[in-house]
Protein backbone atom coordinates (compact mmCIF):
# COMPACT_ATOMS: atom_id res chain seq x y z
CA UNK A 1 12.39 -12.27 -4.01
CA UNK A 2 8.93 -13.68 -4.68
CA UNK A 3 8.09 -16.36 -7.20
CA UNK A 4 5.86 -15.71 -10.18
CA UNK A 5 2.21 -16.45 -9.34
CA UNK A 6 -0.98 -14.91 -10.67
CA UNK A 7 -1.52 -11.46 -9.17
CA UNK A 8 2.12 -10.45 -8.83
CA UNK A 9 3.60 -7.53 -10.67
CA UNK A 10 6.75 -8.02 -12.72
CA UNK A 11 8.91 -4.90 -12.85
CA UNK A 12 11.61 -4.90 -15.51
CA UNK A 13 15.08 -4.58 -14.02
CA UNK A 14 16.71 -1.32 -15.18
CA UNK A 15 19.23 -2.96 -17.54
CA UNK A 16 16.47 -4.88 -19.42
CA UNK A 17 17.56 -4.78 -23.05
CA UNK A 18 14.49 -6.36 -24.67
CA UNK A 19 12.62 -3.39 -26.20
CA UNK A 20 9.30 -5.18 -25.68
CA UNK A 21 9.77 -5.09 -21.91
CA UNK A 22 12.21 -2.24 -21.26
CA UNK A 23 10.86 -0.20 -18.32
CA UNK A 24 7.63 -2.14 -18.11
CA UNK A 25 5.35 -3.18 -15.29
CA UNK A 26 3.46 -6.41 -16.05
CA UNK A 27 0.53 -7.89 -14.14
CA UNK A 28 0.89 -11.68 -14.19
CA UNK A 29 -2.59 -13.12 -14.82
CA UNK A 30 -1.71 -16.78 -15.28
CA UNK A 31 1.35 -18.89 -14.41
CA UNK A 32 1.34 -22.66 -14.91
CA UNK A 33 3.82 -25.37 -15.82
CA UNK A 34 2.76 -24.80 -19.45
CA UNK A 35 3.54 -21.09 -19.54
CA UNK A 36 2.64 -17.62 -18.32
CA UNK A 37 0.34 -14.81 -19.42
CA UNK A 38 0.43 -11.17 -18.37
CA UNK A 39 -0.51 -7.63 -19.39
CA UNK A 40 1.81 -4.62 -19.49
CA UNK A 41 0.29 -1.93 -17.27
CA UNK A 42 2.30 1.08 -18.42
CA UNK A 43 2.18 1.27 -22.21
CA UNK A 44 -0.71 3.45 -23.42
CA UNK A 45 -1.21 3.25 -27.19
CA UNK A 46 -2.47 6.81 -27.59
CA UNK A 47 -5.66 5.39 -29.11
CA UNK A 48 -9.07 4.72 -27.73
CA UNK A 49 -10.94 1.46 -28.05
CA UNK A 50 -13.43 3.18 -30.35
CA UNK A 51 -10.65 4.29 -32.71
CA UNK A 52 -9.30 0.74 -32.95
CA UNK A 53 -12.64 -1.12 -33.17
CA UNK A 54 -14.14 -2.15 -36.48
CA UNK A 55 -17.62 -1.40 -35.15
CA UNK A 56 -19.39 1.24 -33.12
CA UNK A 57 -19.25 0.76 -29.35
CA UNK A 58 -21.54 2.26 -26.74
CA UNK A 59 -18.48 3.55 -24.86
CA UNK A 60 -14.93 4.62 -25.41
CA UNK A 61 -11.91 3.87 -23.27
CA UNK A 62 -8.17 4.31 -23.46
CA UNK A 63 -6.38 1.41 -25.13
CA UNK A 64 -3.16 -0.04 -23.71
CA UNK A 65 -0.49 -2.30 -25.23
CA UNK A 66 -0.64 -5.54 -23.24
CA UNK A 67 2.46 -6.98 -24.82
CA UNK A 68 4.07 -8.08 -28.05
CA UNK A 69 2.11 -11.32 -28.53
CA UNK A 70 -0.96 -11.28 -30.82
CA UNK A 71 -1.44 -7.49 -30.94
CA UNK A 72 -4.69 -7.99 -32.85
CA UNK A 73 -6.40 -9.49 -29.76
CA UNK A 74 -8.35 -7.58 -27.11
CA UNK A 75 -8.01 -8.27 -23.37
CA UNK A 76 -9.36 -6.44 -20.36
CA UNK A 77 -9.06 -6.12 -16.61
CA UNK A 78 -11.96 -4.94 -14.48
CA UNK A 79 -13.51 -5.04 -10.99
CA UNK A 80 -16.75 -6.75 -12.15
CA UNK A 81 -16.54 -10.19 -10.56
CA UNK A 82 -20.01 -11.19 -11.68
CA UNK A 83 -19.15 -10.86 -15.40
CA UNK A 84 -19.68 -14.30 -17.00
CA UNK A 85 -16.39 -16.06 -17.68
CA UNK A 86 -14.16 -13.59 -15.86
CA UNK A 87 -11.22 -14.96 -13.88
CA UNK A 88 -9.99 -13.53 -10.56
CA UNK A 89 -6.42 -12.22 -10.60
CA UNK A 90 -6.36 -10.09 -7.43
CA UNK A 91 -8.91 -8.89 -4.91
CA UNK A 92 -11.32 -6.74 -6.97
CA UNK A 93 -9.37 -7.36 -10.21
CA UNK A 94 -10.69 -9.80 -12.80
CA UNK A 95 -9.47 -10.77 -16.25
CA UNK A 96 -11.69 -11.13 -19.29
CA UNK A 97 -15.19 -12.48 -19.38
CA UNK A 98 -17.90 -12.32 -22.00
CA UNK A 99 -17.33 -9.12 -24.00
CA UNK A 100 -20.94 -8.96 -25.26
CA UNK A 101 -22.20 -9.04 -21.67
CA UNK A 102 -19.70 -6.34 -20.71
CA UNK A 103 -20.69 -4.22 -23.69
CA UNK A 104 -24.43 -4.58 -22.96
CA UNK A 105 -23.98 -3.73 -19.26
CA UNK A 106 -22.00 -0.62 -20.14
CA UNK A 107 -24.59 0.44 -22.74
CA UNK A 108 -27.35 -0.01 -20.16
CA UNK A 109 -25.42 2.13 -17.68
CA UNK A 110 -24.95 -0.78 -15.27
CA UNK A 111 -21.15 -0.78 -15.51
CA UNK A 112 -18.71 2.13 -15.74
CA UNK A 113 -16.22 1.63 -18.62
CA UNK A 114 -13.75 3.94 -16.87
CA UNK A 115 -13.30 1.24 -14.23
CA UNK A 116 -11.99 -1.24 -16.82
CA UNK A 117 -8.70 -1.26 -18.69
CA UNK A 118 -8.51 -2.55 -22.26
CA UNK A 119 -5.37 -4.01 -23.86
CA UNK A 120 -4.29 -5.09 -27.31
CA UNK A 121 -1.91 -8.03 -27.28
CA UNK A 122 -0.43 -9.73 -24.25
CA UNK A 123 2.86 -10.79 -22.72
CA UNK A 124 3.52 -14.51 -22.89
CA UNK A 125 6.22 -16.90 -21.79
CA UNK A 126 6.67 -20.59 -22.62
CA UNK A 127 7.03 -23.38 -20.07
CA UNK A 128 9.69 -22.44 -17.51
CA UNK A 129 10.74 -19.30 -19.40
CA UNK A 130 9.47 -16.73 -16.91
CA UNK A 131 10.87 -18.64 -13.93
CA UNK A 132 14.28 -18.68 -15.66
CA UNK A 133 14.09 -14.92 -16.38
CA UNK A 134 13.24 -14.22 -12.72
CA UNK A 135 16.12 -16.47 -11.57
CA UNK A 136 18.46 -14.56 -13.93
CA UNK A 137 17.40 -11.26 -12.36
CA UNK A 138 15.51 -9.82 -15.34
CA UNK A 139 12.39 -9.10 -13.25
CA UNK A 140 11.62 -7.76 -9.82
CA UNK A 141 8.59 -9.67 -8.50
CA UNK A 142 6.27 -7.67 -6.23
CA UNK A 143 2.80 -8.20 -4.82
CA UNK A 144 0.14 -6.62 -7.01
CA UNK A 145 -2.84 -4.59 -5.92
CA UNK A 146 -5.88 -2.96 -7.48
CA UNK A 147 -4.50 0.58 -7.24
CA UNK A 148 -1.35 -0.42 -9.11
CA UNK A 149 -3.30 -2.26 -11.82
CA UNK A 150 -5.49 0.75 -12.58
CA UNK A 151 -2.88 3.47 -12.00
CA UNK A 152 -2.37 6.12 -14.64
CA UNK A 153 1.03 6.29 -16.13
CA UNK A 154 3.54 5.18 -18.62
CA UNK A 155 7.26 5.23 -17.85
CA UNK A 156 6.34 7.17 -14.69
CA UNK A 157 4.77 4.06 -13.11
CA UNK A 158 7.98 2.06 -13.56
CA UNK A 159 10.01 4.93 -12.08
CA UNK A 160 7.59 5.33 -9.17
CA UNK A 161 7.90 1.65 -8.21
CA UNK A 162 11.72 1.81 -8.34
CA UNK A 163 11.72 4.92 -6.14
CA UNK A 164 9.51 3.12 -3.62
CA UNK A 165 11.96 0.20 -3.55
CA UNK A 166 14.64 2.67 -2.45
CA UNK A 167 18.40 2.23 -2.44
CA UNK A 168 20.08 1.75 -5.79
CA UNK A 169 16.69 1.25 -7.45
CA UNK A 170 15.69 4.79 -6.47
CA UNK A 171 18.90 6.07 -8.04
CA UNK A 172 18.39 4.03 -11.22
CA UNK A 173 14.86 5.40 -11.55
CA UNK A 174 16.32 8.82 -12.36
CA UNK A 175 18.51 7.66 -15.24
CA UNK A 176 17.40 8.79 -18.69
CA UNK A 177 16.16 6.17 -21.11
CA UNK A 178 19.27 6.69 -23.25
CA UNK A 179 22.18 8.09 -21.15
CA UNK A 180 24.10 8.95 -24.34
CA UNK A 181 21.57 11.71 -24.98
CA UNK A 182 22.28 13.37 -21.63
């Protein structure tokens, strides 16, 4: 089992009871002694950024739920390493940066908005909390990669990762969300 570090993917163990993280895949963007910050990769909101924005934007993109913390905030992942203020998370995956610069570059046709992923809210853990959850077996910690970060999917992404892990995880990936309804 790996330790939590920026760039890893946290996959919720199948018995995860917390409804905020049940069947989620989270990209860990920051992990320090003070706490951790990540974005859920498999919770589309069903809205676009334009539908949620208070102002007109020169582009529209699907909006994802990054986590339960501060759902009124906007965060984004992208491959544009030269965006002012962006932070590297993985090879060819950056977090944040100056939104006005991003918006202007998209409007000018210099950047493709379909290559970015926009999130409302984030997933956060206090000092030592995520490490304790990993030690308790609440999360499977796997190396992240660009393809995984920008993969389409909702619950299917979580299931796909479990199938790839094989063994009992592959079997658990086939269980319905609520076995009582089977």
